């Protein structure tokens, strides 16, 4: 199918999500299409592109249109020949795991533990587990634009200007503590490459220019300039608050769909409701927010303008 200059999005009935039909992602995007998808990503948070047929290179090429692609310093579960593409899979070949089988299985926002945060994830699912005709392994999302809007005014005022420390080790150790988990402890090199990062509790989204709650259960460990007890109390409140059902959108995977989501305006969780013989194979690219932040950090976003200008 030829690339369409005007991209049509069909919203879901939820606070998040839209379907993008009739766009072949194997064909390189134009600048106009890239800008349109960036706007739609900010608006809807989660975009599905059904019925794709992509090579690993084409997935990488599409993803790289939106920013620099992340390469994990641990080098785990990389697609052969593509360090920027991670494999999420429970499949085994010749006694070797094809990918990371337990990625993302708790509420979090990818790369919040990094000084340069992530803009988006791009996932392409070619093997989707099924049982009794139903797809398994949903990816769930929560809307952090809406969560911010609904926070009590007193808490908004209290947290305005406050920053939060995010630590990769929190999520990693939580996963390691689960029964049967075989993740190794982080090497010293991995720890050194993932030192904790500090971000505003309320980020101004560079695309929507609206505030989002940027405090996720997976990595947030401390509200700075508060006592430990006060910080812990507020964090627990924020974690519970954002898990309200009204903010939830659960995406049911379809074979050969590409799913792209906004890591600034959402949190996500991978549902592990399938067994080892119910196979899953997904390739993932992590798009960093290099178009919207520089050395000044997340306190100072470079706001997106679809005309190609930034402010």
Protein backbone atom coordinates (compact mmCIF):
# COMPACT_ATOMS: atom_id res chain seq x y z
CA UNK A 1 0.00 0.00 0.00
CA UNK A 2 1.39 3.50 -0.83
CA UNK A 3 2.23 5.84 2.04
CA UNK A 4 -0.68 8.12 2.88
CA UNK A 5 0.14 11.76 3.60
CA UNK A 6 -2.92 12.29 5.79
CA UNK A 7 -2.99 9.73 8.58
CA UNK A 8 -6.38 8.71 9.93
CA UNK A 9 -6.69 7.63 13.57
CA UNK A 10 -9.69 5.81 15.02
CA UNK A 11 -9.86 6.36 18.79
CA UNK A 12 -10.79 3.59 21.21
CA UNK A 13 -13.64 4.14 23.66
CA UNK A 14 -11.11 4.53 26.48
CA UNK A 15 -9.02 7.44 27.80
CA UNK A 16 -6.11 6.07 25.75
CA UNK A 17 -5.56 4.42 22.41
CA UNK A 18 -6.17 4.80 18.68
CA UNK A 19 -5.90 2.52 15.65
CA UNK A 20 -3.97 3.65 12.56
CA UNK A 21 -5.23 1.84 9.47
CA UNK A 22 -3.78 1.66 5.97
CA UNK A 23 -0.25 2.73 6.82
CA UNK A 24 2.50 0.37 5.70
CA UNK A 25 5.37 0.80 8.14
CA UNK A 26 7.77 -1.06 5.86
CA UNK A 27 7.77 2.08 3.68
CA UNK A 28 9.91 4.91 5.12
CA UNK A 29 7.83 7.70 6.64
CA UNK A 30 7.84 11.19 5.20
CA UNK A 31 8.57 14.12 7.50
CA UNK A 32 4.87 15.02 7.41
CA UNK A 33 3.85 11.50 8.46
CA UNK A 34 6.42 11.46 11.25
CA UNK A 35 5.09 14.76 12.57
CA UNK A 36 1.48 13.57 12.35
CA UNK A 37 2.24 10.39 14.27
CA UNK A 38 4.12 12.37 16.92
CA UNK A 39 1.05 14.53 17.47
CA UNK A 40 -1.25 11.49 17.54
CA UNK A 41 1.06 9.75 20.01
CA UNK A 42 0.82 12.67 22.40
CA UNK A 43 -2.94 12.94 21.92
CA UNK A 44 -3.88 9.25 22.28
CA UNK A 45 -0.91 7.80 24.19
CA UNK A 46 -1.08 4.38 22.50
CA UNK A 47 -1.18 3.74 18.74
CA UNK A 48 -1.85 0.38 17.06
CA UNK A 49 -0.78 -0.30 13.47
CA UNK A 50 -2.45 -3.59 12.45
CA UNK A 51 -1.52 -6.05 9.69
CA UNK A 52 2.15 -5.16 9.28
CA UNK A 53 4.89 -7.23 7.65
CA UNK A 54 8.27 -5.96 8.81
CA UNK A 55 11.84 -7.09 8.91
CA UNK A 56 13.87 -6.23 11.99
CA UNK A 57 15.65 -3.55 9.95
CA UNK A 58 12.33 -1.99 8.92
CA UNK A 59 11.15 -1.92 12.53
CA UNK A 60 14.39 -0.19 13.52
CA UNK A 61 14.10 2.29 10.63
CA UNK A 62 10.52 3.22 11.52
CA UNK A 63 11.36 3.65 15.21
CA UNK A 64 14.44 5.76 14.54
CA UNK A 65 12.29 8.40 12.81
CA UNK A 66 11.17 9.53 16.27
CA UNK A 67 14.49 9.79 18.10
CA UNK A 68 17.69 8.06 19.06
CA UNK A 69 17.26 4.34 19.78
CA UNK A 70 18.39 2.98 23.11
CA UNK A 71 20.95 0.18 23.37
CA UNK A 72 20.91 -1.70 26.65
CA UNK A 73 24.35 -1.63 28.30
CA UNK A 74 23.77 -5.21 29.47
CA UNK A 75 23.45 -6.48 25.89
CA UNK A 76 20.71 -8.91 26.91
CA UNK A 77 18.11 -10.32 24.52
CA UNK A 78 19.20 -8.35 21.47
CA UNK A 79 17.97 -9.32 18.02
CA UNK A 80 20.78 -10.87 16.00
CA UNK A 81 22.68 -8.09 14.26
CA UNK A 82 20.58 -5.31 15.79
CA UNK A 83 21.74 -4.01 19.16
CA UNK A 84 18.90 -1.45 19.16
CA UNK A 85 16.20 -4.15 18.99
CA UNK A 86 15.32 -6.17 22.07
CA UNK A 87 13.50 -9.50 21.85
CA UNK A 88 10.67 -10.14 24.32
CA UNK A 89 9.95 -13.84 24.23
CA UNK A 90 9.47 -16.99 26.30
CA UNK A 91 10.60 -19.17 23.41
CA UNK A 92 13.71 -21.37 23.49
CA UNK A 93 15.77 -22.63 20.54
CA UNK A 94 18.58 -25.18 20.86
CA UNK A 95 18.48 -24.74 24.61
CA UNK A 96 18.92 -20.96 24.41
CA UNK A 97 16.30 -18.36 25.36
CA UNK A 98 15.37 -16.24 22.35
CA UNK A 99 14.57 -13.19 24.45
CA UNK A 100 13.68 -11.70 27.80
CA UNK A 101 10.61 -13.56 29.04
CA UNK A 102 9.54 -11.36 31.98
CA UNK A 103 10.03 -7.84 30.64
CA UNK A 104 7.78 -5.13 32.01
CA UNK A 105 5.70 -7.23 34.39
CA UNK A 106 4.80 -4.48 36.84
CA UNK A 107 3.61 -0.88 36.53
CA UNK A 108 6.37 1.44 35.37
CA UNK A 109 7.55 4.01 32.82
CA UNK A 110 10.56 2.93 30.79
CA UNK A 111 13.75 4.94 31.23
CA UNK A 112 12.47 7.25 33.96
CA UNK A 113 15.66 6.16 35.77
CA UNK A 114 17.75 7.82 33.05
CA UNK A 115 18.69 11.48 32.67
CA UNK A 116 17.54 11.25 29.05
CA UNK A 117 14.08 9.76 29.34
CA UNK A 118 12.21 7.70 26.75
CA UNK A 119 9.69 9.16 24.34
CA UNK A 120 8.17 5.92 23.09
CA UNK A 121 8.26 2.16 22.81
CA UNK A 122 7.65 0.46 19.48
CA UNK A 123 6.76 -3.26 19.62
CA UNK A 124 6.09 -5.69 16.77
CA UNK A 125 4.40 -8.94 17.73
CA UNK A 126 4.74 -11.90 15.36
CA UNK A 127 3.94 -14.76 17.78
CA UNK A 128 1.08 -14.07 20.20
CA UNK A 129 -0.03 -16.64 22.80
CA UNK A 130 -3.65 -17.76 22.61
CA UNK A 131 -5.94 -19.89 24.70
CA UNK A 132 -9.51 -20.85 23.79
CA UNK A 133 -9.43 -18.37 20.92
CA UNK A 134 -8.37 -15.43 23.11
CA UNK A 135 -5.05 -13.62 22.93
CA UNK A 136 -2.97 -13.59 26.10
CA UNK A 137 -0.26 -11.27 27.33
CA UNK A 138 -2.12 -7.95 27.20
CA UNK A 139 -0.15 -4.75 27.63
CA UNK A 140 -1.95 -2.43 30.03
CA UNK A 141 -1.64 1.34 30.19
CA UNK A 142 -2.67 4.17 32.47
CA UNK A 143 -3.21 7.77 31.46
CA UNK A 144 -0.91 10.13 33.36
CA UNK A 145 -2.40 13.26 31.76
CA UNK A 146 -5.73 12.36 33.35
CA UNK A 147 -4.15 11.29 36.64
CA UNK A 148 -2.48 14.70 36.99
CA UNK A 149 -5.71 16.53 36.18
CA UNK A 150 -7.58 14.63 38.90
CA UNK A 151 -5.06 15.09 41.71
CA UNK A 152 -6.36 17.08 44.70
CA UNK A 153 -5.54 20.78 44.34
CA UNK A 154 -3.73 20.81 47.69
CA UNK A 155 -1.41 17.99 46.59
CA UNK A 156 -0.74 19.65 43.24
CA UNK A 157 0.29 22.79 45.08
CA UNK A 158 2.42 20.81 47.53
CA UNK A 159 4.29 18.96 44.78
CA UNK A 160 4.62 21.83 42.30
CA UNK A 161 8.32 22.32 41.60
CA UNK A 162 9.28 19.17 43.49
CA UNK A 163 11.54 16.55 41.94
CA UNK A 164 11.59 12.77 42.27
CA UNK A 165 14.52 10.35 42.23
CA UNK A 166 14.11 7.28 39.99
CA UNK A 167 16.31 4.19 40.35
CA UNK A 168 16.62 1.27 37.91
CA UNK A 169 17.69 -1.07 40.69
CA UNK A 170 14.26 -0.83 42.37
CA UNK A 171 12.48 -2.54 39.48
CA UNK A 172 15.30 -5.00 38.78
CA UNK A 173 15.48 -6.24 42.34
CA UNK A 174 11.70 -6.47 42.58
CA UNK A 175 11.70 -8.77 39.54
CA UNK A 176 14.61 -10.82 40.94
CA UNK A 177 12.69 -11.40 44.16
CA UNK A 178 9.81 -13.15 42.38
CA UNK A 179 9.65 -16.95 42.76
CA UNK A 180 11.40 -18.75 39.93
CA UNK A 181 13.04 -15.63 38.53
CA UNK A 182 16.50 -16.22 37.07
CA UNK A 183 17.61 -12.65 36.38
CA UNK A 184 21.19 -12.23 37.55
CA UNK A 185 22.26 -9.39 39.81
CA UNK A 186 23.38 -6.30 37.91
CA UNK A 187 27.07 -6.18 37.16
CA UNK A 188 29.07 -3.25 38.46
CA UNK A 189 29.30 -1.90 34.92
CA UNK A 190 25.52 -2.04 34.56
CA UNK A 191 25.04 -0.29 37.89
CA UNK A 192 27.52 2.40 36.88
CA UNK A 193 25.69 2.96 33.59
CA UNK A 194 22.32 3.32 35.31
CA UNK A 195 22.83 5.70 38.19
CA UNK A 196 19.62 7.21 39.62
CA UNK A 197 18.07 10.18 37.82
CA UNK A 198 16.00 13.13 39.01
CA UNK A 199 12.92 14.48 37.22
CA UNK A 200 10.04 16.82 38.06
CA UNK A 201 7.08 15.16 39.75
CA UNK A 202 4.95 16.95 37.15
CA UNK A 203 6.47 16.98 33.67
CA UNK A 204 5.20 19.33 31.01
CA UNK A 205 4.66 17.04 28.02
CA UNK A 206 6.69 18.34 25.04
CA UNK A 207 3.98 17.41 22.52
CA UNK A 208 0.71 18.18 24.33
CA UNK A 209 2.25 20.98 26.43
CA UNK A 210 0.10 19.78 29.32
CA UNK A 211 1.30 18.48 32.66
CA UNK A 212 1.54 14.77 33.41
CA UNK A 213 2.17 12.88 36.64
CA UNK A 214 5.69 11.53 36.13
CA UNK A 215 5.89 9.30 39.21
CA UNK A 216 5.70 5.56 38.55
CA UNK A 217 5.74 2.59 40.98
CA UNK A 218 8.51 0.79 39.11
CA UNK A 219 11.32 3.30 39.54
CA UNK A 220 10.33 6.27 41.74
CA UNK A 221 12.01 5.96 45.14
CA UNK A 222 12.03 9.40 46.74
CA UNK A 223 10.42 12.83 46.57
CA UNK A 224 13.36 15.14 47.11
CA UNK A 225 13.46 17.90 49.73
CA UNK A 226 11.00 16.02 51.94
CA UNK A 227 11.51 13.83 54.96
CA UNK A 228 11.72 10.10 54.26
CA UNK A 229 8.39 9.44 55.96
CA UNK A 230 6.57 12.25 54.16
CA UNK A 231 8.04 11.18 50.82
CA UNK A 232 7.02 7.57 51.34
CA UNK A 233 3.50 8.51 52.37
CA UNK A 234 2.94 10.68 49.29
CA UNK A 235 4.53 8.18 46.92
CA UNK A 236 2.25 5.43 48.17
CA UNK A 237 -0.73 7.73 47.70
CA UNK A 238 0.34 8.60 44.13
CA UNK A 239 0.94 4.95 43.23
CA UNK A 240 -2.53 3.98 44.49
CA UNK A 241 -4.16 7.03 42.90
CA UNK A 242 -2.91 6.31 39.38
CA UNK A 243 -4.06 2.68 39.55
CA UNK A 244 -7.73 3.64 39.56
CA UNK A 245 -9.66 1.66 36.93
CA UNK A 246 -10.83 4.79 35.12
CA UNK A 247 -7.28 5.47 33.88
CA UNK A 248 -6.79 1.93 32.49
CA UNK A 249 -6.55 0.86 28.86
CA UNK A 250 -5.70 -2.80 28.20
CA UNK A 251 -4.44 -3.65 24.73
CA UNK A 252 -5.14 -7.17 23.48
CA UNK A 253 -2.35 -8.19 21.15
CA UNK A 254 -2.99 -9.21 17.55
CA UNK A 255 -0.50 -11.10 15.40
CA UNK A 256 1.59 -8.80 13.17
CA UNK A 257 0.45 -5.59 14.84
CA UNK A 258 2.86 -2.83 15.78
CA UNK A 259 2.10 -1.08 19.06
CA UNK A 260 3.65 2.31 19.81
CA UNK A 261 3.14 4.12 23.09
CA UNK A 262 4.09 7.36 24.76
CA UNK A 263 6.39 6.79 27.71
CA UNK A 264 5.94 10.34 29.02
CA UNK A 265 2.15 10.44 29.27
CA UNK A 266 1.50 6.82 30.27
CA UNK A 267 2.64 4.02 32.54
CA UNK A 268 2.41 0.38 31.45
CA UNK A 269 2.38 -3.21 32.65
CA UNK A 270 2.86 -6.51 30.80
CA UNK A 271 0.30 -9.13 31.83
CA UNK A 272 1.95 -12.53 32.41
CA UNK A 273 -1.12 -14.77 32.01
CA UNK A 274 0.44 -17.30 29.61
CA UNK A 275 2.53 -20.38 30.25
CA UNK A 276 5.94 -21.45 28.92
CA UNK A 277 4.36 -23.49 26.10
CA UNK A 278 2.11 -20.60 25.05
CA UNK A 279 4.65 -18.86 22.87
CA UNK A 280 5.24 -15.15 22.49
CA UNK A 281 7.73 -13.33 20.26
CA UNK A 282 7.88 -9.55 20.10
CA UNK A 283 10.64 -7.23 18.90
CA UNK A 284 10.99 -3.89 20.64
CA UNK A 285 12.72 -0.57 20.03
CA UNK A 286 13.06 2.05 22.73
CA UNK A 287 12.91 5.61 21.35
CA UNK A 288 14.65 8.14 23.54
CA UNK A 289 13.26 11.66 23.90
CA UNK A 290 16.29 13.23 22.22
CA UNK A 291 14.11 15.48 20.06
CA UNK A 292 12.60 17.11 23.14
CA UNK A 293 15.30 17.30 25.81
CA UNK A 294 18.97 18.21 25.86
CA UNK A 295 21.58 18.77 28.57
CA UNK A 296 19.17 21.10 30.37
CA UNK A 297 17.17 18.00 31.31
CA UNK A 298 13.49 17.35 31.80
CA UNK A 299 12.85 20.65 33.60
CA UNK A 300 13.17 22.36 30.22
CA UNK A 301 11.37 20.55 27.37
CA UNK A 302 11.87 21.57 23.77
CA UNK A 303 8.26 21.88 22.70
CA UNK A 304 7.22 20.15 19.52
CA UNK A 305 5.90 22.15 16.60
CA UNK A 306 4.63 20.11 13.63
CA UNK A 307 5.95 22.69 11.19
CA UNK A 308 9.46 21.57 12.10
CA UNK A 309 10.21 24.53 14.36
CA UNK A 310 10.81 24.16 18.09
CA UNK A 311 10.42 26.63 20.95
